[in-house]
């Protein structure tokens, strides 16, 4: 949604890593088991992927990082990477209770063919187990399984939560209440990005 409003690409570290696994690249073979367990992929590996993506032509006017950085060391590497590009304008931390997060993530279902995503409670397909777009089989990814999600929350609290202080001290952090409808959360994000989006962003929705 933000990518569309701002006219800049969304760069999701998880998508980049899963694509490498799906394509069975050397990197994909290296990180596949790490993603399944819910642990963090080594910093150098993720940063290399991110840097390559940010050097693409469509990211020259800006970008939205999704799922990166996940640790203080990654944040410091990112700062160094972006030192010639002006750094990060704004950091949005969408906050929600752990049980809400488990419910949201473990309910995801992904199409094996086109990778379209659904949710058993919030956005179910027209026919259970089948993709509306291509008719492919929907499945639960290993990294969306409840056990893995709960482990990821433990990893988050140990490694990623300190970033709230890091970006808070830098003056770039906005905490967003993530409880409510998608529309409500969208409006909160747009408000937090005041001045960074086109003047009419979100007004026609």
N, C-alpha and C. Protein backbone atom coordinates (compact mmCIF):
# COMPACT_ATOMS: atom_id res chain seq x y z
N UNK A 1 0.83 -1.20 0.00
CA UNK A 1 0.00 0.00 0.00
C UNK A 1 0.88 1.26 0.00
N UNK A 2 1.84 1.32 0.90
CA UNK A 2 2.72 2.49 0.96
C UNK A 2 3.57 2.61 -0.31
N UNK A 3 3.97 1.48 -0.84
CA UNK A 3 4.76 1.48 -2.07
C UNK A 3 3.96 2.13 -3.20
N UNK A 4 2.69 1.78 -3.29
CA UNK A 4 1.83 2.34 -4.34
C UNK A 4 1.63 3.83 -4.14
N UNK A 5 1.37 4.25 -2.90
CA UNK A 5 1.13 5.67 -2.62
C UNK A 5 2.36 6.52 -2.91
N UNK A 6 3.54 6.01 -2.52
CA UNK A 6 4.77 6.79 -2.65
C UNK A 6 5.41 6.65 -4.02
N UNK A 7 5.01 5.61 -4.77
CA UNK A 7 5.61 5.39 -6.09
C UNK A 7 7.04 4.90 -6.03
N UNK A 8 7.36 4.16 -4.96
CA UNK A 8 8.70 3.60 -4.80
C UNK A 8 8.57 2.12 -4.43
N UNK A 9 9.59 1.30 -4.69
CA UNK A 9 9.45 -0.14 -4.47
C UNK A 9 9.50 -0.55 -3.00
N UNK A 10 8.80 -1.61 -2.70
CA UNK A 10 8.88 -2.27 -1.40
C UNK A 10 9.99 -3.31 -1.50
N UNK A 11 10.95 -3.25 -0.59
CA UNK A 11 12.07 -4.19 -0.59
C UNK A 11 11.96 -5.03 0.67
N UNK A 12 11.45 -6.25 0.52
CA UNK A 12 11.21 -7.13 1.66
C UNK A 12 12.31 -8.17 1.74
N UNK A 13 13.06 -8.16 2.82
CA UNK A 13 14.18 -9.10 2.95
C UNK A 13 13.69 -10.54 2.89
N UNK A 14 12.54 -10.82 3.52
CA UNK A 14 12.01 -12.18 3.51
C UNK A 14 11.70 -12.66 2.11
N UNK A 15 11.12 -11.78 1.28
CA UNK A 15 10.79 -12.15 -0.10
C UNK A 15 12.06 -12.44 -0.90
N UNK A 16 13.09 -11.62 -0.69
CA UNK A 16 14.34 -11.83 -1.40
C UNK A 16 14.97 -13.16 -1.03
N UNK A 17 14.93 -13.48 0.27
CA UNK A 17 15.52 -14.74 0.74
C UNK A 17 14.72 -15.95 0.25
N UNK A 18 13.39 -15.84 0.33
CA UNK A 18 12.56 -16.97 -0.12
C UNK A 18 12.69 -17.20 -1.62
N UNK A 19 12.89 -16.12 -2.38
CA UNK A 19 13.09 -16.26 -3.82
C UNK A 19 14.39 -17.02 -4.10
N UNK A 20 15.42 -16.73 -3.31
CA UNK A 20 16.69 -17.44 -3.46
C UNK A 20 16.53 -18.92 -3.14
N UNK A 21 15.74 -19.23 -2.12
CA UNK A 21 15.47 -20.63 -1.75
C UNK A 21 14.68 -21.32 -2.87
N UNK A 22 13.65 -20.63 -3.36
CA UNK A 22 12.77 -21.19 -4.39
C UNK A 22 13.55 -21.46 -5.68
N UNK A 23 14.48 -20.57 -6.00
CA UNK A 23 15.26 -20.71 -7.22
C UNK A 23 16.47 -21.62 -7.04
N UNK A 24 16.67 -22.09 -5.81
CA UNK A 24 17.75 -23.04 -5.47
C UNK A 24 19.12 -22.49 -5.83
N UNK A 25 19.29 -21.19 -5.59
CA UNK A 25 20.60 -20.59 -5.79
C UNK A 25 21.52 -21.07 -4.66
N UNK A 26 22.85 -20.90 -4.81
CA UNK A 26 23.75 -21.28 -3.72
C UNK A 26 23.36 -20.61 -2.40
N UNK A 27 22.96 -19.34 -2.48
CA UNK A 27 22.53 -18.64 -1.27
C UNK A 27 21.26 -19.27 -0.72
N UNK A 28 20.34 -19.63 -1.61
CA UNK A 28 19.09 -20.24 -1.17
C UNK A 28 19.32 -21.54 -0.44
N UNK A 29 20.24 -22.35 -0.92
CA UNK A 29 20.55 -23.61 -0.26
C UNK A 29 21.17 -23.36 1.11
N UNK A 30 21.89 -22.27 1.23
CA UNK A 30 22.56 -21.93 2.49
C UNK A 30 21.56 -21.48 3.56
N UNK A 31 20.55 -20.71 3.16
CA UNK A 31 19.66 -20.10 4.15
C UNK A 31 18.33 -20.82 4.33
N UNK A 32 18.04 -21.82 3.50
CA UNK A 32 16.74 -22.49 3.57
C UNK A 32 16.41 -23.02 4.94
N UNK A 33 17.32 -23.75 5.55
CA UNK A 33 17.05 -24.34 6.86
C UNK A 33 16.96 -23.27 7.95
N UNK A 34 17.66 -22.15 7.76
CA UNK A 34 17.61 -21.07 8.74
C UNK A 34 16.22 -20.43 8.73
N UNK A 35 15.66 -20.21 7.54
CA UNK A 35 14.33 -19.62 7.44
C UNK A 35 13.29 -20.54 8.06
N UNK A 36 13.41 -21.83 7.83
CA UNK A 36 12.44 -22.78 8.37
C UNK A 36 12.44 -22.78 9.90
N UNK A 37 13.60 -22.55 10.51
CA UNK A 37 13.70 -22.59 11.97
C UNK A 37 13.25 -21.29 12.61
N UNK A 38 13.22 -20.20 11.84
CA UNK A 38 12.84 -18.90 12.39
C UNK A 38 14.01 -18.11 12.94
N UNK A 39 15.23 -18.62 12.78
CA UNK A 39 16.41 -17.90 13.25
C UNK A 39 16.78 -16.80 12.24
N UNK A 40 17.70 -15.93 12.65
CA UNK A 40 18.12 -14.84 11.78
C UNK A 40 19.19 -15.31 10.79
N UNK A 41 19.05 -14.89 9.56
CA UNK A 41 20.06 -15.16 8.53
C UNK A 41 21.27 -14.28 8.83
N UNK A 42 22.50 -14.77 8.62
CA UNK A 42 23.69 -13.96 8.89
C UNK A 42 23.63 -12.58 8.26
N UNK A 43 24.12 -11.60 9.00
CA UNK A 43 24.03 -10.20 8.57
C UNK A 43 24.61 -9.97 7.17
N UNK A 44 25.81 -10.49 6.93
CA UNK A 44 26.48 -10.23 5.66
C UNK A 44 25.65 -10.74 4.48
N UNK A 45 24.96 -11.87 4.69
CA UNK A 45 24.14 -12.46 3.63
C UNK A 45 22.97 -11.56 3.29
N UNK A 46 22.26 -11.10 4.33
CA UNK A 46 21.09 -10.25 4.11
C UNK A 46 21.50 -8.90 3.53
N UNK A 47 22.54 -8.33 4.09
CA UNK A 47 22.98 -7.00 3.63
C UNK A 47 23.39 -7.04 2.17
N UNK A 48 24.04 -8.12 1.74
CA UNK A 48 24.44 -8.25 0.33
C UNK A 48 23.21 -8.26 -0.57
N UNK A 49 22.18 -9.02 -0.17
CA UNK A 49 20.94 -9.08 -0.95
C UNK A 49 20.28 -7.70 -1.02
N UNK A 50 20.18 -7.03 0.13
CA UNK A 50 19.54 -5.72 0.20
C UNK A 50 20.30 -4.72 -0.66
N UNK A 51 21.61 -4.72 -0.54
CA UNK A 51 22.41 -3.75 -1.29
C UNK A 51 22.24 -3.93 -2.80
N UNK A 52 22.23 -5.19 -3.25
CA UNK A 52 22.02 -5.45 -4.67
C UNK A 52 20.66 -4.93 -5.13
N UNK A 53 19.64 -5.14 -4.28
CA UNK A 53 18.29 -4.69 -4.65
C UNK A 53 18.19 -3.17 -4.68
N UNK A 54 18.83 -2.50 -3.73
CA UNK A 54 18.74 -1.04 -3.66
C UNK A 54 19.53 -0.37 -4.78
N UNK A 55 20.41 -1.10 -5.43
CA UNK A 55 21.16 -0.56 -6.57
C UNK A 55 20.39 -0.67 -7.88
N UNK A 56 19.22 -1.32 -7.84
CA UNK A 56 18.39 -1.45 -9.04
C UNK A 56 17.82 -0.08 -9.42
N UNK A 57 17.58 0.16 -10.71
CA UNK A 57 17.11 1.48 -11.18
C UNK A 57 15.85 1.97 -10.49
N UNK A 58 14.88 1.07 -10.20
CA UNK A 58 13.61 1.52 -9.63
C UNK A 58 13.72 1.99 -8.19
N UNK A 59 14.88 1.75 -7.54
CA UNK A 59 15.05 2.16 -6.14
C UNK A 59 15.84 3.46 -6.01
N UNK A 60 16.18 4.07 -7.12
CA UNK A 60 17.02 5.27 -7.05
C UNK A 60 16.29 6.47 -6.45
N UNK A 61 14.96 6.50 -6.61
CA UNK A 61 14.20 7.63 -6.07
C UNK A 61 13.75 7.39 -4.63
N UNK A 62 14.01 6.19 -4.13
CA UNK A 62 13.59 5.85 -2.77
C UNK A 62 13.09 4.42 -2.71
N UNK A 63 12.81 3.96 -1.51
CA UNK A 63 12.39 2.58 -1.32
C UNK A 63 11.80 2.44 0.08
N UNK A 64 11.07 1.34 0.26
CA UNK A 64 10.51 1.01 1.58
C UNK A 64 11.10 -0.33 1.98
N UNK A 65 11.88 -0.35 3.05
CA UNK A 65 12.45 -1.59 3.56
C UNK A 65 11.42 -2.28 4.44
N UNK A 66 11.26 -3.58 4.23
CA UNK A 66 10.27 -4.36 4.97
C UNK A 66 10.98 -5.59 5.56
N UNK A 67 11.05 -5.66 6.89
CA UNK A 67 11.70 -6.80 7.53
C UNK A 67 13.20 -6.66 7.65
N UNK A 68 13.71 -5.48 7.44
CA UNK A 68 15.15 -5.20 7.54
C UNK A 68 15.32 -3.74 7.91
N UNK A 69 16.22 -3.45 8.86
CA UNK A 69 17.11 -4.35 9.59
C UNK A 69 16.38 -5.06 10.74
N UNK A 70 16.97 -6.18 11.18
CA UNK A 70 16.40 -6.96 12.27
C UNK A 70 17.31 -7.01 13.50
N UNK A 71 18.41 -6.31 13.44
CA UNK A 71 19.33 -6.29 14.59
C UNK A 71 20.12 -4.99 14.55
N UNK A 72 20.76 -4.67 15.69
CA UNK A 72 21.56 -3.45 15.75
C UNK A 72 22.72 -3.50 14.76
N UNK A 73 23.34 -4.67 14.61
CA UNK A 73 24.46 -4.76 13.68
C UNK A 73 23.99 -4.53 12.25
N UNK A 74 22.80 -5.03 11.89
CA UNK A 74 22.25 -4.79 10.56
C UNK A 74 21.94 -3.31 10.37
N UNK A 75 21.42 -2.66 11.41
CA UNK A 75 21.10 -1.24 11.33
C UNK A 75 22.36 -0.42 11.09
N UNK A 76 23.43 -0.78 11.74
CA UNK A 76 24.69 -0.06 11.57
C UNK A 76 25.25 -0.27 10.16
N UNK A 77 25.13 -1.50 9.65
CA UNK A 77 25.58 -1.77 8.28
C UNK A 77 24.71 -1.01 7.28
N UNK A 78 23.41 -0.93 7.56
CA UNK A 78 22.52 -0.17 6.69
C UNK A 78 22.88 1.31 6.69
N UNK A 79 23.15 1.86 7.85
CA UNK A 79 23.54 3.28 7.93
C UNK A 79 24.78 3.55 7.07
N UNK A 80 25.74 2.64 7.15
CA UNK A 80 26.96 2.80 6.36
C UNK A 80 26.65 2.70 4.86
N UNK A 81 25.76 1.75 4.52
CA UNK A 81 25.39 1.56 3.12
C UNK A 81 24.71 2.79 2.54
N UNK A 82 23.89 3.45 3.36
CA UNK A 82 23.09 4.58 2.88
C UNK A 82 23.72 5.94 3.17
N UNK A 83 24.95 5.94 3.63
CA UNK A 83 25.59 7.21 4.04
C UNK A 83 25.67 8.21 2.90
N UNK A 84 25.77 7.72 1.66
CA UNK A 84 25.84 8.62 0.51
C UNK A 84 24.48 8.92 -0.09
N UNK A 85 23.41 8.32 0.49
CA UNK A 85 22.06 8.50 -0.07
C UNK A 85 21.13 9.25 0.88
N UNK A 86 21.68 9.77 1.96
CA UNK A 86 20.87 10.57 2.86
C UNK A 86 20.28 9.82 4.05
N UNK A 87 20.48 8.52 4.09
CA UNK A 87 20.00 7.75 5.24
C UNK A 87 18.50 7.46 5.19
N UNK A 88 17.97 6.99 6.32
CA UNK A 88 16.57 6.62 6.45
C UNK A 88 15.74 7.84 6.86
N UNK A 89 14.63 8.08 6.18
CA UNK A 89 13.75 9.21 6.51
C UNK A 89 12.86 8.91 7.71
N UNK A 90 12.25 7.74 7.72
CA UNK A 90 11.29 7.42 8.77
C UNK A 90 11.26 5.91 9.01
N UNK A 91 11.10 5.53 10.26
CA UNK A 91 10.97 4.12 10.63
C UNK A 91 9.60 3.92 11.26
N UNK A 92 8.83 2.99 10.71
CA UNK A 92 7.52 2.67 11.27
C UNK A 92 7.59 1.33 12.00
N UNK A 93 7.27 1.34 13.28
CA UNK A 93 7.21 0.11 14.07
C UNK A 93 5.74 -0.18 14.34
N UNK A 94 5.20 -1.19 13.68
CA UNK A 94 3.78 -1.53 13.85
C UNK A 94 3.68 -2.50 15.02
N UNK A 95 3.06 -2.04 16.10
CA UNK A 95 3.05 -2.76 17.37
C UNK A 95 1.74 -3.52 17.55
N UNK A 96 1.85 -4.78 18.00
CA UNK A 96 0.67 -5.59 18.27
C UNK A 96 1.04 -6.65 19.31
N UNK A 97 0.05 -7.12 20.11
CA UNK A 97 0.32 -8.16 21.11
C UNK A 97 0.81 -9.45 20.44
N UNK A 98 1.60 -10.22 21.15
CA UNK A 98 2.16 -11.45 20.60
C UNK A 98 1.09 -12.39 20.05
N UNK A 99 -0.01 -12.58 20.80
CA UNK A 99 -1.03 -13.53 20.35
C UNK A 99 -1.71 -13.06 19.06
N UNK A 100 -1.84 -11.77 18.90
CA UNK A 100 -2.39 -11.23 17.65
C UNK A 100 -1.45 -11.52 16.48
N UNK A 101 -0.16 -11.39 16.74
CA UNK A 101 0.84 -11.66 15.71
C UNK A 101 0.82 -13.13 15.31
N UNK A 102 0.74 -14.02 16.32
CA UNK A 102 0.69 -15.46 16.03
C UNK A 102 -0.53 -15.79 15.19
N UNK A 103 -1.67 -15.20 15.54
CA UNK A 103 -2.91 -15.45 14.81
C UNK A 103 -2.79 -14.99 13.36
N UNK A 104 -2.22 -13.83 13.16
CA UNK A 104 -2.12 -13.29 11.81
C UNK A 104 -1.17 -14.11 10.93
N UNK A 105 0.01 -14.41 11.46
CA UNK A 105 1.02 -15.07 10.63
C UNK A 105 0.70 -16.54 10.40
N UNK A 106 0.27 -17.24 11.43
CA UNK A 106 0.02 -18.68 11.28
C UNK A 106 -1.23 -18.95 10.44
N UNK A 107 -2.04 -17.92 10.20
CA UNK A 107 -3.23 -18.08 9.35
C UNK A 107 -2.96 -17.83 7.89
N UNK A 108 -1.74 -17.45 7.54
CA UNK A 108 -1.40 -17.20 6.15
C UNK A 108 -1.37 -18.50 5.34
N UNK A 109 -1.79 -18.40 4.09
CA UNK A 109 -1.65 -19.50 3.15
C UNK A 109 -1.12 -18.93 1.83
N UNK A 110 -0.17 -19.62 1.25
CA UNK A 110 0.51 -19.12 0.05
C UNK A 110 0.29 -20.09 -1.12
N UNK A 111 0.10 -19.52 -2.31
CA UNK A 111 -0.08 -20.34 -3.51
C UNK A 111 1.26 -20.90 -3.96
N UNK A 112 1.30 -22.21 -4.20
CA UNK A 112 2.55 -22.84 -4.65
C UNK A 112 2.96 -22.36 -6.04
N UNK A 113 1.99 -21.95 -6.85
CA UNK A 113 2.29 -21.56 -8.22
C UNK A 113 2.69 -20.10 -8.36
N UNK A 114 1.78 -19.20 -7.95
CA UNK A 114 2.01 -17.76 -8.21
C UNK A 114 2.43 -16.98 -6.97
N UNK A 115 2.51 -17.64 -5.82
CA UNK A 115 2.93 -17.03 -4.56
C UNK A 115 1.94 -16.00 -4.00
N UNK A 116 0.72 -15.96 -4.54
CA UNK A 116 -0.31 -15.08 -3.96
C UNK A 116 -0.59 -15.53 -2.53
N UNK A 117 -0.92 -14.56 -1.66
CA UNK A 117 -1.09 -14.88 -0.25
C UNK A 117 -2.53 -14.63 0.21
N UNK A 118 -3.01 -15.52 1.07
CA UNK A 118 -4.36 -15.43 1.63
C UNK A 118 -4.27 -15.60 3.14
N UNK A 119 -5.42 -15.47 3.80
CA UNK A 119 -5.48 -15.70 5.25
C UNK A 119 -6.77 -16.43 5.55
N UNK A 120 -6.67 -17.48 6.36
CA UNK A 120 -7.84 -18.33 6.60
C UNK A 120 -8.98 -17.57 7.27
N UNK A 121 -8.64 -16.52 8.04
CA UNK A 121 -9.68 -15.75 8.75
C UNK A 121 -9.97 -14.41 8.10
N UNK A 122 -8.94 -13.69 7.69
CA UNK A 122 -9.10 -12.31 7.24
C UNK A 122 -9.29 -12.17 5.73
N UNK A 123 -8.68 -13.06 4.95
CA UNK A 123 -8.77 -12.96 3.49
C UNK A 123 -8.76 -14.36 2.88
N UNK A 124 -9.81 -15.14 3.14
CA UNK A 124 -9.83 -16.52 2.64
C UNK A 124 -10.08 -16.57 1.14
N UNK A 125 -9.63 -17.63 0.47
CA UNK A 125 -9.91 -17.79 -0.96
C UNK A 125 -11.36 -18.16 -1.17
N UNK A 126 -11.85 -17.99 -2.39
CA UNK A 126 -13.24 -18.34 -2.69
C UNK A 126 -13.49 -19.84 -2.49
N UNK A 127 -12.49 -20.65 -2.88
CA UNK A 127 -12.57 -22.09 -2.69
C UNK A 127 -11.46 -22.50 -1.73
N UNK A 128 -11.80 -23.13 -0.60
CA UNK A 128 -10.78 -23.50 0.39
C UNK A 128 -9.62 -24.28 -0.23
N UNK A 129 -8.42 -23.82 0.07
CA UNK A 129 -7.23 -24.53 -0.38
C UNK A 129 -6.78 -24.26 -1.79
N UNK A 130 -7.54 -23.39 -2.53
CA UNK A 130 -7.19 -23.11 -3.91
C UNK A 130 -7.05 -21.61 -4.16
N UNK A 131 -6.06 -21.25 -4.94
CA UNK A 131 -5.79 -19.85 -5.26
C UNK A 131 -6.85 -19.27 -6.18
N UNK A 132 -7.37 -18.10 -5.86
CA UNK A 132 -8.35 -17.43 -6.70
C UNK A 132 -7.76 -17.02 -8.05
N UNK A 133 -6.46 -16.73 -8.07
CA UNK A 133 -5.84 -16.17 -9.27
C UNK A 133 -5.46 -17.24 -10.30
N UNK A 134 -4.92 -18.36 -9.82
CA UNK A 134 -4.43 -19.36 -10.78
C UNK A 134 -4.93 -20.78 -10.51
N UNK A 135 -5.65 -20.97 -9.41
CA UNK A 135 -6.16 -22.29 -9.08
C UNK A 135 -5.15 -23.20 -8.43
N UNK A 136 -3.97 -22.66 -8.11
CA UNK A 136 -2.92 -23.46 -7.49
C UNK A 136 -3.24 -23.85 -6.06
N UNK A 137 -2.49 -24.82 -5.55
CA UNK A 137 -2.68 -25.29 -4.18
C UNK A 137 -2.15 -24.26 -3.19
N UNK A 138 -2.94 -24.00 -2.12
CA UNK A 138 -2.48 -23.13 -1.05
C UNK A 138 -1.86 -23.97 0.05
N UNK A 139 -0.77 -23.49 0.62
CA UNK A 139 -0.10 -24.26 1.67
C UNK A 139 0.41 -23.33 2.77
N UNK A 140 0.73 -23.91 3.91
CA UNK A 140 1.29 -23.18 5.04
C UNK A 140 2.81 -23.25 4.95
N UNK A 141 3.46 -22.12 4.75
CA UNK A 141 4.91 -22.11 4.68
C UNK A 141 5.49 -22.52 6.03
N UNK A 142 6.65 -23.16 6.00
CA UNK A 142 7.29 -23.59 7.24
C UNK A 142 7.55 -22.41 8.17
N UNK A 143 7.93 -21.27 7.60
CA UNK A 143 8.25 -20.13 8.45
C UNK A 143 7.00 -19.38 8.93
N UNK A 144 5.79 -19.84 8.52
CA UNK A 144 4.55 -19.27 9.03
C UNK A 144 3.87 -20.20 10.05
N UNK A 145 4.44 -21.37 10.28
CA UNK A 145 3.86 -22.31 11.25
C UNK A 145 3.91 -21.71 12.65
N UNK A 146 2.91 -22.04 13.49
CA UNK A 146 2.81 -21.41 14.81
C UNK A 146 4.07 -21.58 15.64
N UNK A 147 4.64 -22.77 15.66
CA UNK A 147 5.85 -23.01 16.46
C UNK A 147 6.98 -22.10 16.00
N UNK A 148 7.12 -21.96 14.69
CA UNK A 148 8.17 -21.10 14.15
C UNK A 148 7.90 -19.64 14.48
N UNK A 149 6.64 -19.21 14.40
CA UNK A 149 6.28 -17.82 14.69
C UNK A 149 6.62 -17.49 16.14
N UNK A 150 6.30 -18.38 17.06
CA UNK A 150 6.59 -18.13 18.47
C UNK A 150 8.10 -18.03 18.71
N UNK A 151 8.86 -18.86 17.99
CA UNK A 151 10.31 -18.76 18.11
C UNK A 151 10.80 -17.43 17.52
N UNK A 152 10.20 -17.02 16.41
CA UNK A 152 10.58 -15.74 15.81
C UNK A 152 10.31 -14.58 16.75
N UNK A 153 9.24 -14.68 17.55
CA UNK A 153 8.96 -13.63 18.53
C UNK A 153 10.05 -13.59 19.60
N UNK A 154 10.54 -14.75 20.00
CA UNK A 154 11.63 -14.79 20.97
C UNK A 154 12.88 -14.15 20.38
N UNK A 155 13.16 -14.47 19.11
CA UNK A 155 14.31 -13.88 18.43
C UNK A 155 14.13 -12.37 18.29
N UNK A 156 12.89 -11.96 17.99
CA UNK A 156 12.59 -10.52 17.86
C UNK A 156 12.89 -9.79 19.16
N UNK A 157 12.40 -10.32 20.27
CA UNK A 157 12.60 -9.65 21.55
C UNK A 157 14.08 -9.54 21.92
N UNK A 158 14.85 -10.56 21.53
CA UNK A 158 16.27 -10.56 21.86
C UNK A 158 17.10 -9.68 20.92
N UNK A 159 16.74 -9.67 19.64
CA UNK A 159 17.60 -9.03 18.65
C UNK A 159 17.03 -7.78 18.00
N UNK A 160 15.72 -7.74 17.78
CA UNK A 160 15.13 -6.65 17.00
C UNK A 160 14.53 -5.55 17.86
N UNK A 161 13.94 -5.89 18.99
CA UNK A 161 13.32 -4.88 19.84
C UNK A 161 14.27 -3.74 20.21
N UNK A 162 15.58 -4.01 20.43
CA UNK A 162 16.50 -2.90 20.72
C UNK A 162 16.54 -1.82 19.64
N UNK A 163 16.08 -2.15 18.42
CA UNK A 163 16.06 -1.15 17.36
C UNK A 163 15.07 -0.02 17.65
N UNK A 164 14.07 -0.29 18.52
CA UNK A 164 13.14 0.78 18.89
C UNK A 164 13.89 1.92 19.57
N UNK A 165 14.82 1.58 20.45
CA UNK A 165 15.63 2.62 21.09
C UNK A 165 16.61 3.24 20.10
N UNK A 166 17.18 2.42 19.24
CA UNK A 166 18.18 2.90 18.27
C UNK A 166 17.58 3.97 17.37
N UNK A 167 16.42 3.68 16.78
CA UNK A 167 15.80 4.66 15.89
C UNK A 167 15.04 5.73 16.65
N UNK A 168 14.60 5.39 17.88
CA UNK A 168 13.99 6.42 18.71
C UNK A 168 15.00 7.51 19.05
N UNK A 169 16.20 7.11 19.40
CA UNK A 169 17.26 8.08 19.71
C UNK A 169 17.68 8.87 18.49
N UNK A 170 17.51 8.26 17.31
CA UNK A 170 17.87 8.96 16.06
C UNK A 170 16.77 9.93 15.63
N UNK A 171 15.60 9.86 16.28
CA UNK A 171 14.50 10.76 15.96
C UNK A 171 13.72 10.38 14.72
N UNK A 172 13.86 9.14 14.26
CA UNK A 172 13.17 8.73 13.03
C UNK A 172 12.03 7.74 13.29
N UNK A 173 11.83 7.33 14.54
CA UNK A 173 10.87 6.26 14.84
C UNK A 173 9.45 6.78 15.07
N UNK A 174 8.49 6.10 14.46
CA UNK A 174 7.07 6.32 14.76
C UNK A 174 6.47 4.97 15.11
N UNK A 175 5.89 4.86 16.30
CA UNK A 175 5.22 3.62 16.70
C UNK A 175 3.78 3.67 16.22
N UNK A 176 3.37 2.61 15.55
CA UNK A 176 2.03 2.53 14.97
C UNK A 176 1.24 1.44 15.69
N UNK A 177 0.04 1.80 16.16
CA UNK A 177 -0.85 0.80 16.76
C UNK A 177 -1.32 -0.13 15.66
N UNK A 178 -0.92 -1.41 15.74
CA UNK A 178 -1.25 -2.36 14.70
C UNK A 178 -2.53 -3.13 14.93
N UNK A 179 -3.26 -2.80 15.98
CA UNK A 179 -4.53 -3.48 16.27
C UNK A 179 -5.66 -2.71 15.60
N UNK A 180 -6.52 -3.42 14.89
CA UNK A 180 -7.63 -2.79 14.19
C UNK A 180 -7.70 -3.29 12.76
N UNK A 181 -8.54 -2.68 11.97
CA UNK A 181 -8.68 -3.09 10.57
C UNK A 181 -7.48 -2.62 9.76
N UNK A 182 -7.31 -3.24 8.59
CA UNK A 182 -6.23 -2.84 7.70
C UNK A 182 -6.35 -1.36 7.34
N UNK A 183 -7.58 -0.89 7.14
CA UNK A 183 -7.81 0.51 6.80
C UNK A 183 -7.36 1.43 7.93
N UNK A 184 -7.67 1.05 9.17
CA UNK A 184 -7.28 1.88 10.31
C UNK A 184 -5.76 1.97 10.44
N UNK A 185 -5.10 0.84 10.29
CA UNK A 185 -3.64 0.83 10.40
C UNK A 185 -3.03 1.62 9.25
N UNK A 186 -3.61 1.50 8.07
CA UNK A 186 -3.14 2.26 6.91
C UNK A 186 -3.21 3.76 7.18
N UNK A 187 -4.31 4.21 7.75
CA UNK A 187 -4.48 5.63 8.04
C UNK A 187 -3.45 6.11 9.05
N UNK A 188 -3.14 5.27 10.04
CA UNK A 188 -2.13 5.64 11.04
C UNK A 188 -0.75 5.76 10.41
N UNK A 189 -0.44 4.87 9.48
CA UNK A 189 0.86 4.93 8.81
C UNK A 189 0.97 6.17 7.94
N UNK A 190 -0.09 6.49 7.21
CA UNK A 190 -0.08 7.68 6.36
C UNK A 190 0.13 8.93 7.20
N UNK A 191 -0.54 8.97 8.35
CA UNK A 191 -0.39 10.13 9.25
C UNK A 191 1.05 10.24 9.75
N UNK A 192 1.66 9.10 10.08
CA UNK A 192 3.04 9.11 10.58
C UNK A 192 4.04 9.53 9.50
N UNK A 193 3.67 9.34 8.23
CA UNK A 193 4.55 9.69 7.12
C UNK A 193 4.22 11.06 6.54
N UNK A 194 3.54 11.87 7.30
CA UNK A 194 3.17 13.22 6.86
C UNK A 194 4.40 13.95 6.32
N UNK A 195 4.28 14.46 5.11
CA UNK A 195 5.38 15.19 4.50
C UNK A 195 6.27 14.33 3.63
N UNK A 196 6.14 13.00 3.74
CA UNK A 196 6.99 12.11 2.94
C UNK A 196 6.24 11.46 1.78
N UNK A 197 4.91 11.58 1.80
CA UNK A 197 4.08 11.01 0.74
C UNK A 197 3.52 12.14 -0.11
N UNK A 198 3.05 11.84 -1.32
CA UNK A 198 2.39 12.87 -2.14
C UNK A 198 1.26 13.51 -1.37
N UNK A 199 0.96 14.77 -1.67
CA UNK A 199 0.00 15.56 -0.88
C UNK A 199 -1.37 14.91 -0.80
N UNK A 200 -1.79 14.20 -1.85
CA UNK A 200 -3.14 13.61 -1.85
C UNK A 200 -3.16 12.14 -1.47
N UNK A 201 -2.06 11.63 -0.95
CA UNK A 201 -1.96 10.21 -0.63
C UNK A 201 -3.01 9.80 0.39
N UNK A 202 -3.77 8.77 0.06
CA UNK A 202 -4.75 8.21 0.98
C UNK A 202 -6.06 8.93 1.05
N UNK A 203 -6.17 10.13 0.45
CA UNK A 203 -7.40 10.92 0.62
C UNK A 203 -8.58 10.40 -0.19
N UNK A 204 -8.27 9.67 -1.26
CA UNK A 204 -9.37 9.19 -2.10
C UNK A 204 -9.81 7.79 -1.68
N UNK A 205 -9.18 7.22 -0.67
CA UNK A 205 -9.50 5.85 -0.28
C UNK A 205 -10.53 5.84 0.84
